[in-house]
Each structure stands twice: as C-alpha cells, then as structure tokens.
C-alpha cells in the first residue's frame, strides 16, 4: 500500500462532490474524536494563542457554506442560539 501525502489527499478531496465530501466527514468524524480524546489537554496559554484563529477559520467556513439560500449559515445559527 502506498502512502499519500496530505497535499495529495487534499487534491483528491477537492475532486469530490459536496455530498461525497460530507460522506467523507461522516467517515472521518469518529476517528477524529478518538484522536482528540487521546490528546493531552493544552495549557491555558496555548488555548489563548490558538483559539482566535481557529474560531475565525470555523466562522469563515460557516459563513461561506449555508445549507440553502433560505437557511442560516453555521455562524448565523450559532449566533442565534446564543441569544
């Protein structure tokens, strides 16, 4: 079995349809959860440095990918739930 690089995998993912990308996320999610559970907890200083850019990325993705024109984006839905 050959080993693919991250760049190669990203190129392949870009070729998938949105539905196939969603199915890939469904496949990867349990693996990611297991990997995250096994990670050591970060120190508070590490969180303060990492979270702002990570949240900005998440919100940018949420804003750019609404499910449908009449539905809220991920960011909008989260903001509505917080009110």
N, C-alpha and C. Protein backbone atom coordinates (compact mmCIF):
# COMPACT_ATOMS: atom_id res chain seq x y z
N UNK A 1 0.84 -1.18 0.00
CA UNK A 1 0.00 0.00 0.00
C UNK A 1 0.89 1.24 0.00
N UNK A 2 0.60 2.18 -0.88
CA UNK A 2 1.40 3.39 -0.94
C UNK A 2 0.89 4.40 0.08
N UNK A 3 1.78 5.28 0.48
CA UNK A 3 1.42 6.32 1.44
C UNK A 3 1.19 7.62 0.68
N UNK A 4 0.05 8.24 0.90
CA UNK A 4 -0.28 9.51 0.24
C UNK A 4 0.11 10.66 1.16
N UNK A 5 0.52 11.75 0.57
CA UNK A 5 0.82 12.94 1.36
C UNK A 5 -0.46 13.72 1.60
N UNK A 6 -0.42 14.61 2.56
CA UNK A 6 -1.58 15.45 2.85
C UNK A 6 -1.99 16.25 1.62
N UNK A 7 -1.03 16.77 0.90
CA UNK A 7 -1.32 17.55 -0.30
C UNK A 7 -2.05 16.70 -1.34
N UNK A 8 -1.63 15.47 -1.51
CA UNK A 8 -2.29 14.58 -2.47
C UNK A 8 -3.73 14.30 -2.05
N UNK A 9 -3.92 14.06 -0.76
CA UNK A 9 -5.27 13.79 -0.25
C UNK A 9 -6.15 15.02 -0.42
N UNK A 10 -5.61 16.20 -0.14
CA UNK A 10 -6.39 17.42 -0.30
C UNK A 10 -6.81 17.61 -1.76
N UNK A 11 -5.92 17.31 -2.69
CA UNK A 11 -6.27 17.40 -4.11
C UNK A 11 -7.40 16.43 -4.46
N UNK A 12 -7.34 15.23 -3.89
CA UNK A 12 -8.40 14.26 -4.15
C UNK A 12 -9.73 14.72 -3.56
N UNK A 13 -9.69 15.27 -2.36
CA UNK A 13 -10.92 15.77 -1.72
C UNK A 13 -11.53 16.88 -2.56
N UNK A 14 -10.70 17.74 -3.13
CA UNK A 14 -11.21 18.82 -3.98
C UNK A 14 -11.96 18.29 -5.20
N UNK A 15 -11.69 17.06 -5.60
CA UNK A 15 -12.37 16.47 -6.75
C UNK A 15 -13.72 15.84 -6.38
N UNK A 16 -13.99 15.69 -5.09
CA UNK A 16 -15.24 15.08 -4.65
C UNK A 16 -16.40 16.07 -4.77
N UNK A 17 -17.58 15.53 -4.93
CA UNK A 17 -18.78 16.38 -4.90
C UNK A 17 -19.03 16.80 -3.46
N UNK A 18 -19.84 17.84 -3.25
CA UNK A 18 -20.16 18.23 -1.87
C UNK A 18 -20.76 17.08 -1.05
N UNK A 19 -21.60 16.26 -1.67
CA UNK A 19 -22.18 15.12 -0.96
C UNK A 19 -21.09 14.12 -0.57
N UNK A 20 -20.18 13.85 -1.47
CA UNK A 20 -19.09 12.93 -1.16
C UNK A 20 -18.18 13.50 -0.07
N UNK A 21 -17.98 14.82 -0.08
CA UNK A 21 -17.18 15.45 0.97
C UNK A 21 -17.88 15.31 2.32
N UNK A 22 -19.20 15.45 2.33
CA UNK A 22 -19.96 15.27 3.58
C UNK A 22 -19.85 13.82 4.05
N UNK A 23 -19.91 12.87 3.12
CA UNK A 23 -19.77 11.46 3.49
C UNK A 23 -18.36 11.18 4.03
N UNK A 24 -17.38 11.84 3.47
CA UNK A 24 -16.01 11.70 3.97
C UNK A 24 -15.91 12.23 5.40
N UNK A 25 -16.54 13.37 5.66
CA UNK A 25 -16.54 13.93 7.02
C UNK A 25 -17.22 12.96 7.99
N UNK A 26 -18.32 12.36 7.55
CA UNK A 26 -19.02 11.39 8.38
C UNK A 26 -18.10 10.20 8.70
N UNK A 27 -17.32 9.78 7.74
CA UNK A 27 -16.38 8.68 7.92
C UNK A 27 -15.24 9.08 8.86
N UNK A 28 -14.75 10.30 8.71
CA UNK A 28 -13.59 10.74 9.50
C UNK A 28 -13.93 11.15 10.93
N UNK A 29 -15.15 11.60 11.17
CA UNK A 29 -15.51 12.15 12.48
C UNK A 29 -15.21 11.20 13.64
N UNK A 30 -15.63 9.94 13.61
CA UNK A 30 -15.30 9.06 14.74
C UNK A 30 -13.80 8.91 14.96
N UNK A 31 -13.03 8.89 13.88
CA UNK A 31 -11.57 8.80 14.01
C UNK A 31 -11.00 10.05 14.66
N UNK A 32 -11.53 11.20 14.26
CA UNK A 32 -11.05 12.46 14.84
C UNK A 32 -11.40 12.54 16.31
N UNK A 33 -12.59 12.11 16.67
CA UNK A 33 -13.00 12.13 18.08
C UNK A 33 -12.06 11.26 18.90
N UNK A 34 -11.79 10.06 18.43
CA UNK A 34 -10.86 9.18 19.16
C UNK A 34 -9.49 9.82 19.30
N UNK A 35 -9.00 10.42 18.24
CA UNK A 35 -7.67 11.05 18.28
C UNK A 35 -7.66 12.23 19.24
N UNK A 36 -8.73 13.02 19.24
CA UNK A 36 -8.78 14.19 20.12
C UNK A 36 -8.90 13.78 21.58
N UNK A 37 -9.62 12.71 21.86
CA UNK A 37 -9.77 12.24 23.23
C UNK A 37 -8.42 11.82 23.79
N UNK A 38 -7.56 11.28 22.95
CA UNK A 38 -6.26 10.80 23.40
C UNK A 38 -5.22 11.90 23.55
N UNK A 39 -5.50 13.09 23.03
CA UNK A 39 -4.53 14.18 23.12
C UNK A 39 -4.44 14.71 24.55
N UNK A 40 -3.25 15.11 24.98
CA UNK A 40 -3.15 15.75 26.30
C UNK A 40 -3.85 17.11 26.26
N UNK A 41 -4.39 17.52 27.39
CA UNK A 41 -5.06 18.81 27.46
C UNK A 41 -4.05 19.93 27.28
N UNK A 42 -4.38 20.93 26.46
CA UNK A 42 -3.45 22.04 26.26
C UNK A 42 -3.43 22.96 27.49
N UNK A 43 -2.35 23.66 27.64
CA UNK A 43 -2.24 24.64 28.71
C UNK A 43 -3.06 25.87 28.35
N UNK A 44 -3.47 26.65 29.34
CA UNK A 44 -4.30 27.83 29.11
C UNK A 44 -3.64 28.80 28.14
N UNK A 45 -2.34 29.01 28.25
CA UNK A 45 -1.65 29.94 27.35
C UNK A 45 -1.72 29.46 25.91
N UNK A 46 -1.62 28.16 25.70
CA UNK A 46 -1.72 27.61 24.35
C UNK A 46 -3.10 27.86 23.77
N UNK A 47 -4.13 27.71 24.59
CA UNK A 47 -5.50 27.93 24.12
C UNK A 47 -5.72 29.37 23.72
N UNK A 48 -5.21 30.29 24.50
CA UNK A 48 -5.41 31.71 24.20
C UNK A 48 -4.77 32.08 22.87
N UNK A 49 -3.65 31.46 22.54
CA UNK A 49 -2.99 31.76 21.26
C UNK A 49 -3.70 31.07 20.10
N UNK A 50 -4.18 29.86 20.29
CA UNK A 50 -4.71 29.07 19.18
C UNK A 50 -6.17 29.36 18.86
N UNK A 51 -6.98 29.58 19.85
CA UNK A 51 -8.42 29.66 19.61
C UNK A 51 -8.86 30.80 18.69
N UNK A 52 -8.35 32.01 18.84
CA UNK A 52 -8.89 33.06 17.96
C UNK A 52 -8.78 32.73 16.48
N UNK A 53 -7.64 32.26 16.02
CA UNK A 53 -7.51 31.96 14.59
C UNK A 53 -8.35 30.75 14.21
N UNK A 54 -8.45 29.77 15.11
CA UNK A 54 -9.27 28.59 14.82
C UNK A 54 -10.74 28.98 14.72
N UNK A 55 -11.20 29.82 15.62
CA UNK A 55 -12.60 30.25 15.57
C UNK A 55 -12.85 31.08 14.32
N UNK A 56 -11.91 31.94 13.97
CA UNK A 56 -12.08 32.74 12.76
C UNK A 56 -12.21 31.84 11.54
N UNK A 57 -11.40 30.80 11.49
CA UNK A 57 -11.48 29.86 10.37
C UNK A 57 -12.83 29.14 10.36
N UNK A 58 -13.27 28.69 11.54
CA UNK A 58 -14.55 27.99 11.62
C UNK A 58 -15.70 28.90 11.19
N UNK A 59 -15.71 30.14 11.69
CA UNK A 59 -16.78 31.06 11.33
C UNK A 59 -16.73 31.41 9.84
N UNK A 60 -15.54 31.55 9.28
CA UNK A 60 -15.43 31.84 7.85
C UNK A 60 -16.00 30.68 7.03
N UNK A 61 -15.71 29.46 7.45
CA UNK A 61 -16.28 28.29 6.76
C UNK A 61 -17.79 28.27 6.90
N UNK A 62 -18.27 28.54 8.09
CA UNK A 62 -19.71 28.54 8.32
C UNK A 62 -20.42 29.59 7.50
N UNK A 63 -19.81 30.77 7.38
CA UNK A 63 -20.42 31.84 6.59
C UNK A 63 -20.43 31.51 5.10
N UNK A 64 -19.43 30.79 4.64
CA UNK A 64 -19.32 30.54 3.21
C UNK A 64 -20.14 29.34 2.74
N UNK A 65 -20.63 28.53 3.67
CA UNK A 65 -21.32 27.30 3.27
C UNK A 65 -22.73 27.17 3.86
N UNK A 66 -23.63 28.09 3.53
CA UNK A 66 -25.00 27.89 4.01
C UNK A 66 -25.60 26.66 3.35
N UNK A 67 -26.47 25.96 4.09
CA UNK A 67 -27.08 24.75 3.55
C UNK A 67 -27.97 25.06 2.35
N UNK A 68 -28.67 26.15 2.41
CA UNK A 68 -29.53 26.58 1.31
C UNK A 68 -29.70 28.09 1.42
N UNK A 69 -30.16 28.70 0.37
CA UNK A 69 -30.28 30.16 0.37
C UNK A 69 -31.19 30.67 1.48
N UNK A 70 -32.23 29.94 1.81
CA UNK A 70 -33.19 30.40 2.80
C UNK A 70 -32.83 29.97 4.22
N UNK A 71 -31.75 29.23 4.38
CA UNK A 71 -31.34 28.77 5.70
C UNK A 71 -30.16 29.58 6.20
N UNK A 72 -29.97 29.55 7.52
CA UNK A 72 -28.87 30.28 8.14
C UNK A 72 -27.55 29.56 7.90
N UNK A 73 -26.48 30.34 7.86
CA UNK A 73 -25.15 29.73 7.81
C UNK A 73 -24.85 29.17 9.19
N UNK A 74 -23.79 28.38 9.30
CA UNK A 74 -23.39 27.82 10.58
C UNK A 74 -23.15 28.93 11.60
N UNK A 75 -22.44 29.97 11.21
CA UNK A 75 -22.15 31.08 12.12
C UNK A 75 -23.44 31.76 12.56
N UNK A 76 -24.32 32.03 11.62
CA UNK A 76 -25.58 32.68 11.97
C UNK A 76 -26.40 31.82 12.92
N UNK A 77 -26.44 30.52 12.68
CA UNK A 77 -27.19 29.62 13.55
C UNK A 77 -26.62 29.61 14.97
N UNK A 78 -25.29 29.57 15.08
CA UNK A 78 -24.66 29.60 16.40
C UNK A 78 -24.97 30.91 17.11
N UNK A 79 -24.87 32.01 16.38
CA UNK A 79 -25.15 33.32 16.99
C UNK A 79 -26.62 33.41 17.44
N UNK A 80 -27.53 32.86 16.65
CA UNK A 80 -28.94 32.86 17.02
C UNK A 80 -29.18 32.03 18.28
N UNK A 81 -28.50 30.90 18.40
CA UNK A 81 -28.67 30.05 19.58
C UNK A 81 -28.14 30.72 20.84
N UNK A 82 -27.15 31.58 20.68
CA UNK A 82 -26.54 32.23 21.84
C UNK A 82 -27.40 33.37 22.37
N UNK A 83 -28.37 33.83 21.59
CA UNK A 83 -29.21 34.96 22.01
C UNK A 83 -30.31 34.51 22.92
